[in-house]
Amino acid sequence: MATTAARPVVRRSDRLRQVAVTVAEVVCVVGTLVGVGVLGTRVEESSGGALAADATLLAPAGPAFSIWSVVYLGLAGYTVWQWLPEQATDRRHRAIGWLVAASMVLNALWLLVTQQGWIWVSVVVIVVLVRTLGLLVRRLTEHPSYGTAETVLVDGTFGLYLGWVAVATCANVTAALVASGVDPGRTASEVLAVVVIAVAAGVGVLLARRFGGRWAVAVAMAWGLGWIAWGRVAAEPRSVLVGLAALVAALVVLSAASRVHRARAA
């Protein structure tokens, strides 16, 4: 007589993880309301304007930040998704759930510390955030997706999240330096900005190789770099050199992901 495989048992730790993700999502939403000015000061107006789109040579133009709408929607979707019965015991969600919760809390924390003008604290927070997201995406790679919905919602959301924050980290560090009075002069600033952009491109290539050329990561990084390029050509502070460097970096990141995919297909 045929036997039916027993369903995996939902552990207490599974429920605790699900609740933690949900609470973290609420915290993230509150932090977002603070960051967009509903409950506090808008990010671009906080920290003395150090994080505004025209504050530094590495600040992305304003429209770049619309990517957050997609990321936040994905985070809300994940919060619901991980409550579905089949997800509670899934090894992917067991592997990433706590990291997801940590990433949302760190995002809210970054918004809150910028409200206080603690620009260097925000650098520490965003570095921890990008490290957390890197570990999260690595675990997604170790536990491959099992369906289209899972890939789009989970891999897509956290790939975009990581890619964008990787570029934002460069912009955040630069903003902190400028806000602290570091001013090596126009020419030196442009050269240093190009060096930082080159490092960002290198990080994009590294992430493509390490995580199998994830398009979500590459697209988000290219998006951020592309809007840095646009900001330097179409808005202040203008710099054709930095704009071209950012555009080339965006193409390099996309090319790296494409090469990894072609190599895997071959």
Foldseek 3Di string as FASTA:
>chain_A
DDDDDDDDDQDPVLVVLLVLLVVLLVLLVVLVCQCCPNVHDHLCPFLVNLQHQFNALLRFPDVLVCVVVVLNVLSVVVSVVCPPPVNSPDPLCVQQSVLSSVLSNLNSVLSVVSNVSPLVVSLVSLVVNLVSLLSSLLSCLVVDDDDDVCCCRPVLNSLLVNLQSLSVSLSSVRSVCVSVPDDPDDVVRLVVLLVSLVVSLVVLLVCLVSNQLRPSNLVNNLSSLQRSLVCQPPHHPHDNSSNVSSNVSSVSSNVSSVVSVVVVVD
